[in-house]
Amino acid sequence: MIPIEVDLSFYRKKFESKPIKKTLTIPKYLNDLGNEAGINFSATLTEALKEKLEV
C-alpha cells in the first residue's frame, strides 16, 4: 500500500458547497445584450471565476 495525501477541505469546498446569492453591478448595455442573447449570468460568472481561479 502507498499512502496518498488528500486535501479534503478543498474537495468539500469544491463539491459540497451550495450556491449562494451575490449582488453585483454590470453596465446596462452588457445586461441588455446578455438578456437578448439568453445568457445565464450566474452560470457565466461561475465559469469565468473557475477559469480565473484555475479550479
C-alpha atoms as a PDB file:
ATOM      1  CA  MET A   1       0.000   0.000   0.000  1.00  0.00           C
ATOM      2  CA  ILE A   2       1.089   3.518  -0.778  1.00  0.00           C
ATOM      3  CA  PRO A   3      -0.274   6.352   1.371  1.00  0.00           C
ATOM      4  CA  ILE A   4      -1.857   9.175  -0.606  1.00  0.00           C
ATOM      5  CA  GLU A   5      -2.293  12.662   0.799  1.00  0.00           C
ATOM      6  CA  VAL A   6      -5.631  14.286   0.023  1.00  0.00           C
ATOM      7  CA  ASP A   7      -6.766  17.829   0.792  1.00  0.00           C
ATOM      8  CA  LEU A   8     -10.312  17.077   1.954  1.00  0.00           C
ATOM      9  CA  SER A   9     -11.106  20.707   2.749  1.00  0.00           C
ATOM     10  CA  PHE A  10     -10.574  21.642  -0.913  1.00  0.00           C
ATOM     11  CA  TYR A  11     -12.724  18.695  -2.016  1.00  0.00           C
ATOM     12  CA  ARG A  12     -15.534  19.709   0.350  1.00  0.00           C
ATOM     13  CA  LYS A  13     -15.414  23.334  -0.783  1.00  0.00           C
ATOM     14  CA  LYS A  14     -15.487  22.356  -4.445  1.00  0.00           C
ATOM     15  CA  PHE A  15     -18.057  19.560  -4.418  1.00  0.00           C
ATOM     16  CA  GLU A  16     -20.222  20.082  -1.357  1.00  0.00           C
ATOM     17  CA  SER A  17     -20.738  23.829  -1.431  1.00  0.00           C
ATOM     18  CA  LYS A  18     -24.240  25.100  -2.014  1.00  0.00           C
ATOM     19  CA  PRO A  19     -24.962  28.093  -4.247  1.00  0.00           C
ATOM     20  CA  ILE A  20     -25.113  31.498  -2.584  1.00  0.00           C
ATOM     21  CA  LYS A  21     -26.693  34.724  -3.780  1.00  0.00           C
ATOM     22  CA  LYS A  22     -24.367  37.561  -4.769  1.00  0.00           C
ATOM     23  CA  THR A  23     -25.339  41.061  -5.803  1.00  0.00           C
ATOM     24  CA  LEU A  24     -23.221  42.648  -8.498  1.00  0.00           C
ATOM     25  CA  THR A  25     -23.267  45.615 -10.814  1.00  0.00           C
ATOM     26  CA  ILE A  26     -22.656  45.444 -14.552  1.00  0.00           C
ATOM     27  CA  PRO A  27     -23.058  48.062 -17.286  1.00  0.00           C
ATOM     28  CA  LYS A  28     -26.603  48.336 -18.645  1.00  0.00           C
ATOM     29  CA  TYR A  29     -25.529  47.630 -22.215  1.00  0.00           C
ATOM     30  CA  LEU A  30     -23.964  44.292 -21.144  1.00  0.00           C
ATOM     31  CA  ASN A  31     -27.128  43.401 -19.249  1.00  0.00           C
ATOM     32  CA  ASP A  32     -29.263  44.228 -22.282  1.00  0.00           C
ATOM     33  CA  LEU A  33     -27.049  42.271 -24.688  1.00  0.00           C
ATOM     34  CA  GLY A  34     -26.860  39.317 -22.323  1.00  0.00           C
ATOM     35  CA  ASN A  35     -30.617  39.215 -21.864  1.00  0.00           C
ATOM     36  CA  GLU A  36     -31.181  39.414 -25.634  1.00  0.00           C
ATOM     37  CA  ALA A  37     -28.739  36.536 -26.148  1.00  0.00           C
ATOM     38  CA  GLY A  38     -30.409  34.454 -23.428  1.00  0.00           C
ATOM     39  CA  ILE A  39     -27.212  34.267 -21.385  1.00  0.00           C
ATOM     40  CA  ASN A  40     -27.419  32.729 -17.923  1.00  0.00           C
ATOM     41  CA  PHE A  41     -25.459  35.325 -15.945  1.00  0.00           C
ATOM     42  CA  SER A  42     -24.996  33.097 -12.920  1.00  0.00           C
ATOM     43  CA  ALA A  43     -23.574  30.216 -14.951  1.00  0.00           C
ATOM     44  CA  THR A  44     -21.363  32.591 -16.946  1.00  0.00           C
ATOM     45  CA  LEU A  45     -19.951  34.191 -13.794  1.00  0.00           C
ATOM     46  CA  THR A  46     -19.348  30.765 -12.240  1.00  0.00           C
ATOM     47  CA  GLU A  47     -17.497  29.543 -15.353  1.00  0.00           C
ATOM     48  CA  ALA A  48     -15.385  32.716 -15.517  1.00  0.00           C
ATOM     49  CA  LEU A  49     -14.444  32.521 -11.824  1.00  0.00           C
ATOM     50  CA  LYS A  50     -13.455  28.850 -12.115  1.00  0.00           C
ATOM     51  CA  GLU A  51     -11.272  29.666 -15.121  1.00  0.00           C
ATOM     52  CA  LYS A  52      -9.720  32.704 -13.420  1.00  0.00           C
ATOM     53  CA  LEU A  53      -9.036  30.750 -10.202  1.00  0.00           C
ATOM     54  CA  GLU A  54      -7.917  27.633 -12.100  1.00  0.00           C
ATOM     55  CA  VAL A  55     -10.287  25.283 -10.253  1.00  0.00           C
END
